[in-house]
Amino acid sequence: MTDIAHSVASDISGGAELSRSLKSRHVSMIAIGGIIGAGLFVGSSTTIHAAGPAAVFSFAIAGFIILLVMRMLSEMAIALEGVQTFPDFARAGLGHLPGFLSGWLYWYFWVVVVAIEAIAGAQIIHGWFPGIPELAIGIALMAVLTAVNLMSARAYGEFEFWFSSIKVAAIIVFILLCAAWAFGFTSGSGATFINLTQHGG
């Protein structure tokens, strides 16, 4: 390890720890819920509509890159005892400036994503309740997200656990419905995988 890595690890390991009120089920569903956002339902449909079957390859390449990054982070987590956040990993491996930038870029990412998630959620809910303006729905969603994040870590963990469970259940239902259609159980014309190559893809 470099001198910076040693200093970062020693600085962090010597500090006081916060109390741990989240259970493993909370942490697991927070991770899954963070992966499954409104972009999966809204953004993927736009990408598939624009690119066709090529979107599958794009998602696969992006997923492989993310897998590599997570493998690297896991190796650093084992090698650097006491370091627990990725800005500290960047600081230990690349220097103080990359660590500083990655922390603030992460903050900026969530500032933007929360607004995008609220807009996407407002579009979806507006489709169900067209009488309610999208702006009002978006503001209500932002208020709920803010209120949840201001609660205790345990309350946030419970909220995220149950709402992530709803998202996971919805995705499983979508997969089963699409599989039933693609294999010809509910489609009138039999299996529909041929549409990947015919009619322009």
N, C-alpha and C. Protein backbone atom coordinates (compact mmCIF):
# COMPACT_ATOMS: atom_id res chain seq x y z
N MET A 1 0.83 -1.19 0.00
CA MET A 1 0.00 0.00 0.00
C MET A 1 0.87 1.25 0.00
N THR A 2 0.33 2.30 -0.55
CA THR A 2 1.05 3.57 -0.58
C THR A 2 0.94 4.25 0.78
N ASP A 3 1.73 5.33 0.93
CA ASP A 3 1.68 6.09 2.18
C ASP A 3 0.31 6.72 2.38
N ILE A 4 -0.32 7.19 1.27
CA ILE A 4 -1.65 7.79 1.37
C ILE A 4 -2.65 6.75 1.85
N ALA A 5 -2.56 5.53 1.31
CA ALA A 5 -3.48 4.46 1.72
C ALA A 5 -3.33 4.16 3.20
N HIS A 6 -2.07 4.11 3.68
CA HIS A 6 -1.84 3.87 5.11
C HIS A 6 -2.43 4.98 5.96
N SER A 7 -2.23 6.24 5.54
CA SER A 7 -2.72 7.35 6.34
C SER A 7 -4.24 7.40 6.35
N VAL A 8 -4.86 7.12 5.19
CA VAL A 8 -6.33 7.12 5.14
C VAL A 8 -6.88 6.03 6.03
N ALA A 9 -6.31 4.82 5.95
CA ALA A 9 -6.80 3.71 6.76
C ALA A 9 -6.63 3.99 8.25
N SER A 10 -5.49 4.57 8.63
CA SER A 10 -5.25 4.85 10.05
C SER A 10 -6.15 5.96 10.55
N ASP A 11 -6.38 6.98 9.72
CA ASP A 11 -7.27 8.07 10.13
C ASP A 11 -8.68 7.57 10.39
N ILE A 12 -9.16 6.68 9.51
CA ILE A 12 -10.54 6.22 9.62
C ILE A 12 -10.69 5.22 10.75
N SER A 13 -9.73 4.29 10.87
CA SER A 13 -9.85 3.26 11.90
C SER A 13 -9.76 3.84 13.30
N GLY A 14 -9.13 5.00 13.44
CA GLY A 14 -8.98 5.59 14.76
C GLY A 14 -10.19 6.40 15.19
N GLY A 15 -11.15 6.66 14.27
CA GLY A 15 -12.30 7.48 14.60
C GLY A 15 -13.40 6.71 15.31
N ALA A 16 -14.35 7.46 15.89
CA ALA A 16 -15.48 6.83 16.57
C ALA A 16 -16.49 6.33 15.55
N GLU A 17 -17.17 5.23 15.89
CA GLU A 17 -18.17 4.66 14.99
C GLU A 17 -19.56 5.10 15.40
N LEU A 18 -20.46 5.22 14.40
CA LEU A 18 -21.86 5.47 14.67
C LEU A 18 -22.53 4.16 15.07
N SER A 19 -23.67 4.27 15.75
CA SER A 19 -24.40 3.06 16.11
C SER A 19 -24.99 2.42 14.86
N ARG A 20 -25.07 1.10 14.85
CA ARG A 20 -25.56 0.37 13.68
C ARG A 20 -26.98 -0.13 13.97
N SER A 21 -27.97 0.57 13.42
CA SER A 21 -29.36 0.23 13.69
C SER A 21 -30.03 -0.51 12.54
N LEU A 22 -29.33 -0.65 11.40
CA LEU A 22 -29.90 -1.35 10.25
C LEU A 22 -29.57 -2.84 10.33
N LYS A 23 -30.56 -3.66 10.02
CA LYS A 23 -30.36 -5.11 9.96
C LYS A 23 -29.91 -5.48 8.55
N SER A 24 -29.49 -6.73 8.39
CA SER A 24 -28.99 -7.17 7.09
C SER A 24 -30.07 -7.10 6.02
N ARG A 25 -31.33 -7.38 6.39
CA ARG A 25 -32.40 -7.30 5.40
C ARG A 25 -32.61 -5.86 4.94
N HIS A 26 -32.42 -4.90 5.84
CA HIS A 26 -32.52 -3.50 5.45
C HIS A 26 -31.44 -3.14 4.44
N VAL A 27 -30.20 -3.52 4.76
CA VAL A 27 -29.07 -3.18 3.89
C VAL A 27 -29.23 -3.83 2.52
N SER A 28 -29.67 -5.09 2.51
CA SER A 28 -29.84 -5.80 1.25
C SER A 28 -30.89 -5.12 0.38
N MET A 29 -32.03 -4.77 0.96
CA MET A 29 -33.09 -4.16 0.17
C MET A 29 -32.79 -2.71 -0.19
N ILE A 30 -32.00 -2.02 0.64
CA ILE A 30 -31.56 -0.67 0.26
C ILE A 30 -30.68 -0.75 -0.98
N ALA A 31 -29.80 -1.76 -1.02
CA ALA A 31 -28.94 -1.94 -2.20
C ALA A 31 -29.76 -2.29 -3.43
N ILE A 32 -30.70 -3.23 -3.28
CA ILE A 32 -31.54 -3.63 -4.42
C ILE A 32 -32.42 -2.48 -4.85
N GLY A 33 -33.01 -1.77 -3.88
CA GLY A 33 -33.88 -0.64 -4.22
C GLY A 33 -33.12 0.50 -4.88
N GLY A 34 -31.85 0.67 -4.51
CA GLY A 34 -31.04 1.70 -5.15
C GLY A 34 -30.74 1.37 -6.60
N ILE A 35 -30.64 0.08 -6.89
CA ILE A 35 -30.39 -0.34 -8.27
C ILE A 35 -31.63 -0.18 -9.12
N ILE A 36 -32.79 -0.55 -8.54
CA ILE A 36 -34.06 -0.52 -9.28
C ILE A 36 -34.69 0.85 -9.08
N GLY A 37 -34.52 1.73 -10.03
CA GLY A 37 -35.13 3.04 -9.97
C GLY A 37 -36.21 3.18 -11.03
N ALA A 38 -36.83 4.35 -11.07
CA ALA A 38 -37.84 4.60 -12.08
C ALA A 38 -37.24 4.55 -13.48
N GLY A 39 -35.93 4.80 -13.58
CA GLY A 39 -35.28 4.73 -14.88
C GLY A 39 -35.37 3.36 -15.51
N LEU A 40 -35.46 2.32 -14.67
CA LEU A 40 -35.60 0.96 -15.20
C LEU A 40 -36.91 0.82 -15.97
N PHE A 41 -37.97 1.45 -15.46
CA PHE A 41 -39.28 1.33 -16.10
C PHE A 41 -39.48 2.36 -17.20
N VAL A 42 -38.97 3.57 -17.00
CA VAL A 42 -39.19 4.65 -17.97
C VAL A 42 -38.03 4.76 -18.95
N GLY A 43 -36.79 4.80 -18.43
CA GLY A 43 -35.62 4.99 -19.29
C GLY A 43 -35.34 3.81 -20.20
N SER A 44 -35.52 2.58 -19.68
CA SER A 44 -35.24 1.41 -20.52
C SER A 44 -36.20 1.32 -21.69
N SER A 45 -37.45 1.70 -21.48
CA SER A 45 -38.42 1.64 -22.59
C SER A 45 -38.04 2.62 -23.69
N THR A 46 -37.56 3.80 -23.32
CA THR A 46 -37.12 4.78 -24.31
C THR A 46 -35.90 4.27 -25.07
N THR A 47 -34.96 3.66 -24.35
CA THR A 47 -33.76 3.12 -24.99
C THR A 47 -34.09 1.97 -25.94
N ILE A 48 -34.95 1.07 -25.50
CA ILE A 48 -35.33 -0.07 -26.34
C ILE A 48 -36.09 0.42 -27.58
N HIS A 49 -36.94 1.42 -27.41
CA HIS A 49 -37.68 1.97 -28.55
C HIS A 49 -36.74 2.60 -29.57
N ALA A 50 -35.68 3.26 -29.08
CA ALA A 50 -34.75 3.95 -29.98
C ALA A 50 -33.74 3.00 -30.61
N ALA A 51 -33.24 2.04 -29.83
CA ALA A 51 -32.14 1.18 -30.31
C ALA A 51 -32.56 -0.22 -30.68
N GLY A 52 -33.72 -0.66 -30.24
CA GLY A 52 -34.16 -2.02 -30.53
C GLY A 52 -33.37 -3.04 -29.73
N PRO A 53 -33.14 -4.23 -30.31
CA PRO A 53 -32.43 -5.30 -29.59
C PRO A 53 -31.01 -4.92 -29.19
N ALA A 54 -30.41 -3.90 -29.85
CA ALA A 54 -29.06 -3.48 -29.49
C ALA A 54 -29.00 -2.97 -28.04
N ALA A 55 -30.14 -2.55 -27.49
CA ALA A 55 -30.17 -2.08 -26.11
C ALA A 55 -29.74 -3.19 -25.14
N VAL A 56 -30.06 -4.44 -25.47
CA VAL A 56 -29.69 -5.56 -24.61
C VAL A 56 -28.17 -5.64 -24.49
N PHE A 57 -27.48 -5.47 -25.60
CA PHE A 57 -26.01 -5.52 -25.59
C PHE A 57 -25.44 -4.32 -24.84
N SER A 58 -26.04 -3.16 -25.02
CA SER A 58 -25.57 -1.96 -24.31
C SER A 58 -25.70 -2.15 -22.80
N PHE A 59 -26.86 -2.67 -22.36
CA PHE A 59 -27.06 -2.90 -20.93
C PHE A 59 -26.08 -3.96 -20.41
N ALA A 60 -25.80 -4.98 -21.22
CA ALA A 60 -24.87 -6.04 -20.81
C ALA A 60 -23.46 -5.49 -20.64
N ILE A 61 -23.02 -4.63 -21.57
CA ILE A 61 -21.68 -4.04 -21.48
C ILE A 61 -21.58 -3.14 -20.25
N ALA A 62 -22.60 -2.29 -20.04
CA ALA A 62 -22.59 -1.41 -18.87
C ALA A 62 -22.60 -2.22 -17.58
N GLY A 63 -23.40 -3.29 -17.55
CA GLY A 63 -23.44 -4.14 -16.36
C GLY A 63 -22.11 -4.81 -16.08
N PHE A 64 -21.40 -5.21 -17.14
CA PHE A 64 -20.08 -5.84 -16.96
C PHE A 64 -19.08 -4.84 -16.40
N ILE A 65 -19.12 -3.60 -16.88
CA ILE A 65 -18.22 -2.57 -16.36
C ILE A 65 -18.50 -2.31 -14.88
N ILE A 66 -19.78 -2.24 -14.51
CA ILE A 66 -20.15 -2.03 -13.11
C ILE A 66 -19.69 -3.21 -12.26
N LEU A 67 -19.81 -4.44 -12.81
CA LEU A 67 -19.33 -5.61 -12.09
C LEU A 67 -17.83 -5.51 -11.80
N LEU A 68 -17.05 -5.05 -12.79
CA LEU A 68 -15.61 -4.88 -12.58
C LEU A 68 -15.32 -3.85 -11.50
N VAL A 69 -16.06 -2.73 -11.53
CA VAL A 69 -15.85 -1.69 -10.52
C VAL A 69 -16.16 -2.23 -9.13
N MET A 70 -17.25 -2.97 -9.00
CA MET A 70 -17.61 -3.51 -7.69
C MET A 70 -16.60 -4.55 -7.21
N ARG A 71 -16.03 -5.33 -8.14
CA ARG A 71 -14.98 -6.28 -7.75
C ARG A 71 -13.75 -5.53 -7.22
N MET A 72 -13.40 -4.44 -7.89
CA MET A 72 -12.26 -3.65 -7.43
C MET A 72 -12.51 -3.06 -6.06
N LEU A 73 -13.73 -2.54 -5.84
CA LEU A 73 -14.06 -1.98 -4.53
C LEU A 73 -14.03 -3.05 -3.45
N SER A 74 -14.50 -4.25 -3.77
CA SER A 74 -14.49 -5.32 -2.76
C SER A 74 -13.06 -5.73 -2.41
N GLU A 75 -12.17 -5.75 -3.41
CA GLU A 75 -10.77 -6.07 -3.12
C GLU A 75 -10.12 -5.00 -2.25
N MET A 76 -10.44 -3.72 -2.53
CA MET A 76 -9.89 -2.65 -1.70
C MET A 76 -10.48 -2.70 -0.29
N ALA A 77 -11.76 -3.10 -0.17
CA ALA A 77 -12.37 -3.19 1.16
C ALA A 77 -11.67 -4.24 2.02
N ILE A 78 -11.21 -5.31 1.38
CA ILE A 78 -10.49 -6.34 2.12
C ILE A 78 -9.06 -5.89 2.43
N ALA A 79 -8.42 -5.22 1.47
CA ALA A 79 -7.02 -4.83 1.64
C ALA A 79 -6.84 -3.67 2.62
N LEU A 80 -7.80 -2.74 2.66
CA LEU A 80 -7.68 -1.56 3.51
C LEU A 80 -8.63 -1.68 4.68
N GLU A 81 -8.15 -2.19 5.78
CA GLU A 81 -9.00 -2.38 6.95
C GLU A 81 -9.38 -1.03 7.54
N GLY A 82 -10.65 -0.86 7.82
CA GLY A 82 -11.14 0.38 8.40
C GLY A 82 -11.70 1.35 7.39
N VAL A 83 -11.33 1.24 6.11
CA VAL A 83 -11.87 2.12 5.08
C VAL A 83 -13.20 1.54 4.62
N GLN A 84 -14.27 2.34 4.66
CA GLN A 84 -15.60 1.81 4.40
C GLN A 84 -16.37 2.56 3.33
N THR A 85 -15.88 3.68 2.83
CA THR A 85 -16.62 4.43 1.83
C THR A 85 -15.77 4.58 0.57
N PHE A 86 -16.45 4.63 -0.58
CA PHE A 86 -15.69 4.65 -1.82
C PHE A 86 -14.89 5.94 -2.04
N PRO A 87 -15.31 7.12 -1.52
CA PRO A 87 -14.39 8.26 -1.64
C PRO A 87 -13.06 8.01 -0.93
N ASP A 88 -13.12 7.27 0.18
CA ASP A 88 -11.87 6.94 0.88
C ASP A 88 -11.04 5.94 0.10
N PHE A 89 -11.71 5.02 -0.62
CA PHE A 89 -10.98 4.10 -1.49
C PHE A 89 -10.26 4.88 -2.59
N ALA A 90 -10.99 5.85 -3.19
CA ALA A 90 -10.39 6.68 -4.24
C ALA A 90 -9.24 7.50 -3.68
N ARG A 91 -9.41 8.00 -2.46
CA ARG A 91 -8.35 8.80 -1.81
C ARG A 91 -7.12 7.94 -1.52
N ALA A 92 -7.38 6.69 -1.08
CA ALA A 92 -6.26 5.81 -0.75
C ALA A 92 -5.52 5.35 -2.00
N GLY A 93 -6.25 5.13 -3.08
CA GLY A 93 -5.62 4.59 -4.29
C GLY A 93 -5.09 5.64 -5.24
N LEU A 94 -5.75 6.80 -5.30
CA LEU A 94 -5.41 7.80 -6.31
C LEU A 94 -4.96 9.13 -5.74
N GLY A 95 -5.23 9.39 -4.47
CA GLY A 95 -4.83 10.66 -3.88
C GLY A 95 -6.03 11.40 -3.30
N HIS A 96 -5.74 12.53 -2.65
CA HIS A 96 -6.79 13.27 -1.95
C HIS A 96 -7.77 13.95 -2.90
N LEU A 97 -7.29 14.48 -4.02
CA LEU A 97 -8.18 15.17 -4.95
C LEU A 97 -9.22 14.23 -5.56
N PRO A 98 -8.84 13.05 -6.07
CA PRO A 98 -9.88 12.13 -6.57
C PRO A 98 -10.88 11.71 -5.49
N GLY A 99 -10.40 11.53 -4.26
CA GLY A 99 -11.33 11.20 -3.18
C GLY A 99 -12.31 12.32 -2.91
N PHE A 100 -11.80 13.55 -2.89
CA PHE A 100 -12.65 14.72 -2.69
C PHE A 100 -13.67 14.84 -3.81
N LEU A 101 -13.22 14.69 -5.06
CA LEU A 101 -14.11 14.84 -6.21
C LEU A 101 -15.15 13.73 -6.27
N SER A 102 -14.76 12.50 -5.96
CA SER A 102 -15.73 11.40 -6.03
C SER A 102 -16.83 11.57 -4.98
N GLY A 103 -16.47 12.08 -3.81
CA GLY A 103 -17.48 12.33 -2.79
C GLY A 103 -18.49 13.37 -3.21
N TRP A 104 -18.00 14.49 -3.73
CA TRP A 104 -18.91 15.55 -4.15
C TRP A 104 -19.67 15.19 -5.42
N LEU A 105 -19.06 14.42 -6.34
CA LEU A 105 -19.79 13.97 -7.52
C LEU A 105 -20.91 13.00 -7.14
N TYR A 106 -20.68 12.21 -6.10
CA TYR A 106 -21.73 11.32 -5.60
C TYR A 106 -22.90 12.14 -5.05
N TRP A 107 -22.57 13.20 -4.30
CA TRP A 107 -23.63 14.09 -3.80
C TRP A 107 -24.40 14.72 -4.96
N TYR A 108 -23.68 15.21 -5.96
CA TYR A 108 -24.32 15.83 -7.12
C TYR A 108 -25.20 14.82 -7.86
N PHE A 109 -24.71 13.58 -7.97
CA PHE A 109 -25.48 12.53 -8.63
C PHE A 109 -26.84 12.35 -7.96
N TRP A 110 -26.86 12.29 -6.63
CA TRP A 110 -28.12 12.05 -5.94
C TRP A 110 -29.01 13.28 -5.97
N VAL A 111 -28.43 14.47 -5.99
CA VAL A 111 -29.26 15.68 -6.13
C VAL A 111 -30.01 15.64 -7.45
N VAL A 112 -29.33 15.22 -8.52
CA VAL A 112 -29.97 15.14 -9.84
C VAL A 112 -30.93 13.96 -9.91
N VAL A 113 -30.52 12.81 -9.38
CA VAL A 113 -31.32 11.58 -9.51
C VAL A 113 -32.64 11.70 -8.76
N VAL A 114 -32.64 12.31 -7.58
CA VAL A 114 -33.89 12.44 -6.83
C VAL A 114 -34.91 13.22 -7.64
N ALA A 115 -34.47 14.29 -8.30
CA ALA A 115 -35.39 15.06 -9.14
C ALA A 115 -35.87 14.25 -10.33
N ILE A 116 -34.96 13.51 -10.96
CA ILE A 116 -35.34 12.69 -12.12
C ILE A 116 -36.31 11.59 -11.70
N GLU A 117 -36.06 10.97 -10.55
CA GLU A 117 -36.95 9.93 -10.06
C GLU A 117 -38.34 10.50 -9.78
N ALA A 118 -38.39 11.71 -9.22
CA ALA A 118 -39.69 12.33 -8.93
C ALA A 118 -40.44 12.64 -10.23
N ILE A 119 -39.71 13.11 -11.26
CA ILE A 119 -40.35 13.39 -12.55
C ILE A 119 -40.87 12.11 -13.19
N ALA A 120 -40.05 11.07 -13.19
CA ALA A 120 -40.47 9.79 -13.78
C ALA A 120 -41.65 9.20 -13.01
N GLY A 121 -41.58 9.26 -11.68
CA GLY A 121 -42.70 8.77 -10.87
C GLY A 121 -43.97 9.56 -11.12
N ALA A 122 -43.82 10.88 -11.29
CA ALA A 122 -44.99 11.72 -11.57
C ALA A 122 -45.61 11.36 -12.92
N GLN A 123 -44.78 11.07 -13.91
CA GLN A 123 -45.32 10.66 -15.22
C GLN A 123 -46.09 9.35 -15.12
N ILE A 124 -45.55 8.40 -14.37
CA ILE A 124 -46.23 7.10 -14.22
C ILE A 124 -47.56 7.27 -13.49
N ILE A 125 -47.54 7.97 -12.36
CA ILE A 125 -48.76 8.14 -11.56
C ILE A 125 -49.78 8.99 -12.32
N HIS A 126 -49.30 9.98 -13.09
CA HIS A 126 -50.22 10.81 -13.88
C HIS A 126 -50.96 9.96 -14.92
N GLY A 127 -50.30 8.91 -15.43
CA GLY A 127 -50.98 8.01 -16.36
C GLY A 127 -52.12 7.27 -15.69
N TRP A 128 -51.99 6.98 -14.39
CA TRP A 128 -53.05 6.31 -13.65
C TRP A 128 -54.14 7.29 -13.21
N PHE A 129 -53.72 8.50 -12.84
CA PHE A 129 -54.66 9.52 -12.35
C PHE A 129 -54.48 10.80 -13.18
N PRO A 130 -55.02 10.83 -14.40
CA PRO A 130 -54.78 11.98 -15.29
C PRO A 130 -55.36 13.30 -14.77
N GLY A 131 -56.26 13.23 -13.80
CA GLY A 131 -56.85 14.46 -13.27
C GLY A 131 -55.91 15.24 -12.37
N ILE A 132 -54.85 14.60 -11.87
CA ILE A 132 -53.90 15.28 -10.98
C ILE A 132 -52.73 15.79 -11.82
N PRO A 133 -52.38 17.08 -11.71
CA PRO A 133 -51.26 17.61 -12.51
C PRO A 133 -49.93 16.93 -12.15
N GLU A 134 -49.07 16.76 -13.16
CA GLU A 134 -47.77 16.12 -12.93
C GLU A 134 -46.93 16.91 -11.94
N LEU A 135 -47.01 18.24 -12.00
CA LEU A 135 -46.22 19.08 -11.09
C LEU A 135 -46.58 18.79 -9.64
N ALA A 136 -47.88 18.68 -9.36
CA ALA A 136 -48.32 18.41 -7.98
C ALA A 136 -47.85 17.04 -7.53
N ILE A 137 -47.91 16.06 -8.42
CA ILE A 137 -47.44 14.71 -8.07
C ILE A 137 -45.94 14.73 -7.79
N GLY A 138 -45.18 15.42 -8.66
CA GLY A 138 -43.73 15.49 -8.48
C GLY A 138 -43.35 16.16 -7.17
N ILE A 139 -44.03 17.25 -6.82
CA ILE A 139 -43.75 17.94 -5.56
C ILE A 139 -44.09 17.05 -4.37
N ALA A 140 -45.21 16.33 -4.46
CA ALA A 140 -45.60 15.42 -3.37
C ALA A 140 -44.58 14.31 -3.21
N LEU A 141 -44.10 13.75 -4.31
CA LEU A 141 -43.10 12.70 -4.24
C LEU A 141 -41.79 13.22 -3.63
N MET A 142 -41.38 14.43 -4.02
CA MET A 142 -40.17 15.03 -3.44
C MET A 142 -40.33 15.24 -1.94
N ALA A 143 -41.54 15.68 -1.52
CA ALA A 143 -41.79 15.90 -0.09
C ALA A 143 -41.71 14.58 0.68
N VAL A 144 -42.28 13.51 0.09
CA VAL A 144 -42.24 12.21 0.75
C VAL A 144 -40.80 11.70 0.84
N LEU A 145 -40.03 11.82 -0.26
CA LEU A 145 -38.64 11.38 -0.25
C LEU A 145 -37.82 12.14 0.79
N THR A 146 -38.05 13.45 0.87
CA THR A 146 -37.32 14.26 1.85
C THR A 146 -37.69 13.87 3.27
N ALA A 147 -38.99 13.66 3.52
CA ALA A 147 -39.44 13.29 4.86
C ALA A 147 -38.86 11.94 5.29
N VAL A 148 -38.83 10.98 4.35
CA VAL A 148 -38.28 9.66 4.68
C VAL A 148 -36.80 9.76 5.01
N ASN A 149 -36.06 10.57 4.27
CA ASN A 149 -34.63 10.71 4.51
C ASN A 149 -34.31 11.49 5.78
N LEU A 150 -35.27 12.24 6.30
CA LEU A 150 -35.06 12.97 7.55
C LEU A 150 -35.38 12.13 8.78
N MET A 151 -35.97 10.95 8.57
CA MET A 151 -36.28 10.06 9.69
C MET A 151 -35.01 9.36 10.17
N SER A 152 -35.16 8.55 11.20
CA SER A 152 -34.02 7.80 11.72
C SER A 152 -33.57 6.76 10.72
N ALA A 153 -32.35 6.27 10.89
CA ALA A 153 -31.82 5.26 9.97
C ALA A 153 -32.67 3.99 10.00
N ARG A 154 -33.16 3.61 11.18
CA ARG A 154 -33.98 2.40 11.31
C ARG A 154 -35.30 2.58 10.56
N ALA A 155 -35.94 3.75 10.71
CA ALA A 155 -37.20 4.01 10.02
C ALA A 155 -37.00 4.05 8.51
N TYR A 156 -35.90 4.67 8.08
CA TYR A 156 -35.58 4.69 6.66
C TYR A 156 -35.35 3.27 6.13
N GLY A 157 -34.66 2.44 6.92
CA GLY A 157 -34.42 1.06 6.51
C GLY A 157 -35.71 0.29 6.34
N GLU A 158 -36.66 0.47 7.26
CA GLU A 158 -37.95 -0.22 7.14
C GLU A 158 -38.72 0.27 5.91
N PHE A 159 -38.74 1.58 5.71
CA PHE A 159 -39.43 2.15 4.55
C PHE A 159 -38.83 1.60 3.26
N GLU A 160 -37.52 1.62 3.18
CA GLU A 160 -36.84 1.16 1.96
C GLU A 160 -37.04 -0.35 1.77
N PHE A 161 -37.06 -1.11 2.86
CA PHE A 161 -37.26 -2.55 2.76
C PHE A 161 -38.59 -2.87 2.11
N TRP A 162 -39.67 -2.26 2.60
CA TRP A 162 -40.99 -2.60 2.08
C TRP A 162 -41.22 -2.05 0.68
N PHE A 163 -40.75 -0.84 0.41
CA PHE A 163 -40.96 -0.30 -0.94
C PHE A 163 -40.06 -0.98 -1.97
N SER A 164 -38.86 -1.39 -1.58
CA SER A 164 -38.02 -2.17 -2.48
C SER A 164 -38.63 -3.54 -2.74
N SER A 165 -39.28 -4.10 -1.73
CA SER A 165 -39.96 -5.38 -1.92
C SER A 165 -41.07 -5.25 -2.94
N ILE A 166 -41.78 -4.12 -2.92
CA ILE A 166 -42.83 -3.89 -3.92
C ILE A 166 -42.22 -3.79 -5.32
N LYS A 167 -41.09 -3.10 -5.43
CA LYS A 167 -40.43 -2.99 -6.74
C LYS A 167 -39.97 -4.34 -7.25
N VAL A 168 -39.38 -5.14 -6.38
CA VAL A 168 -38.91 -6.47 -6.78
C VAL A 168 -40.09 -7.34 -7.21
N ALA A 169 -41.19 -7.29 -6.44
CA ALA A 169 -42.38 -8.07 -6.80
C ALA A 169 -42.95 -7.62 -8.14
N ALA A 170 -42.95 -6.30 -8.39
CA ALA A 170 -43.46 -5.79 -9.67
C ALA A 170 -42.61 -6.28 -10.83
N ILE A 171 -41.30 -6.28 -10.66
CA ILE A 171 -40.41 -6.75 -11.73
C ILE A 171 -40.62 -8.24 -11.99
N ILE A 172 -40.79 -9.02 -10.93
CA ILE A 172 -41.04 -10.46 -11.12
C ILE A 172 -42.34 -10.68 -11.89
N VAL A 173 -43.38 -9.91 -11.54
CA VAL A 173 -44.65 -10.02 -12.26
C VAL A 173 -44.47 -9.62 -13.73
N PHE A 174 -43.73 -8.54 -13.99
CA PHE A 174 -43.48 -8.12 -15.37
C PHE A 174 -42.75 -9.20 -16.15
N ILE A 175 -41.75 -9.81 -15.54
CA ILE A 175 -40.98 -10.87 -16.22
C ILE A 175 -41.89 -12.05 -16.54
N LEU A 176 -42.73 -12.45 -15.59
CA LEU A 176 -43.63 -13.58 -15.83
C LEU A 176 -44.64 -13.27 -16.93
N LEU A 177 -45.20 -12.05 -16.92
CA LEU A 177 -46.16 -11.67 -17.96
C LEU A 177 -45.51 -11.63 -19.33
N CYS A 178 -44.30 -11.06 -19.41
CA CYS A 178 -43.59 -10.99 -20.69
C CYS A 178 -43.19 -12.38 -21.17
N ALA A 179 -42.77 -13.25 -20.25
CA ALA A 179 -42.41 -14.62 -20.63
C ALA A 179 -43.63 -15.37 -21.14
N ALA A 180 -44.78 -15.18 -20.48
CA ALA A 180 -46.01 -15.83 -20.93
C ALA A 180 -46.37 -15.38 -22.34
N TRP A 181 -46.18 -14.09 -22.64
CA TRP A 181 -46.46 -13.58 -23.99
C TRP A 181 -45.43 -14.10 -24.99
N ALA A 182 -44.14 -14.04 -24.63
CA ALA A 182 -43.09 -14.42 -25.57
C ALA A 182 -43.12 -15.91 -25.91
N PHE A 183 -43.55 -16.75 -24.95
CA PHE A 183 -43.61 -18.18 -25.21
C PHE A 183 -44.95 -18.62 -25.77
N GLY A 184 -45.84 -17.64 -26.02
CA GLY A 184 -47.09 -17.96 -26.70
C GLY A 184 -48.23 -18.39 -25.82
N PHE A 185 -48.08 -18.28 -24.48
CA PHE A 185 -49.18 -18.70 -23.60
C PHE A 185 -50.34 -17.71 -23.63
N THR A 186 -50.03 -16.42 -23.77
CA THR A 186 -51.10 -15.41 -23.78
C THR A 186 -51.17 -14.65 -25.10
N SER A 187 -50.19 -14.82 -26.00
CA SER A 187 -50.23 -14.12 -27.28
C SER A 187 -51.04 -14.93 -28.29
N GLY A 188 -51.76 -14.22 -29.13
CA GLY A 188 -52.63 -14.90 -30.08
C GLY A 188 -51.90 -15.57 -31.23
N SER A 189 -50.70 -15.13 -31.55
CA SER A 189 -50.00 -15.65 -32.72
C SER A 189 -48.82 -16.54 -32.36
N GLY A 190 -48.80 -17.09 -31.16
CA GLY A 190 -47.72 -17.98 -30.78
C GLY A 190 -46.50 -17.24 -30.28
N ALA A 191 -45.35 -17.91 -30.33
CA ALA A 191 -44.11 -17.31 -29.81
C ALA A 191 -43.75 -16.04 -30.56
N THR A 192 -43.25 -15.06 -29.85
CA THR A 192 -42.99 -13.74 -30.45
C THR A 192 -41.52 -13.36 -30.43
N PHE A 193 -40.61 -14.31 -30.14
CA PHE A 193 -39.19 -13.98 -30.18
C PHE A 193 -38.73 -13.58 -31.57
N ILE A 194 -39.48 -14.01 -32.60
CA ILE A 194 -39.10 -13.70 -33.97
C ILE A 194 -39.12 -12.20 -34.25
N ASN A 195 -39.85 -11.45 -33.43
CA ASN A 195 -39.91 -10.00 -33.60
C ASN A 195 -38.58 -9.32 -33.33
N LEU A 196 -37.63 -10.05 -32.70
CA LEU A 196 -36.31 -9.46 -32.47
C LEU A 196 -35.58 -9.22 -33.79
N THR A 197 -35.88 -9.99 -34.82
CA THR A 197 -35.18 -9.86 -36.10
C THR A 197 -36.08 -9.41 -37.24
N GLN A 198 -37.39 -9.67 -37.17
CA GLN A 198 -38.30 -9.28 -38.25
C GLN A 198 -38.87 -7.89 -38.03
N HIS A 199 -39.43 -7.32 -39.08
CA HIS A 199 -40.10 -6.01 -39.02
C HIS A 199 -39.16 -4.91 -38.53
N GLY A 200 -37.89 -5.02 -38.84
CA GLY A 200 -36.94 -3.99 -38.44
C GLY A 200 -36.43 -4.14 -37.02
N GLY A 201 -36.76 -5.27 -36.36
CA GLY A 201 -36.27 -5.49 -35.00
C GLY A 201 -37.16 -4.87 -33.97
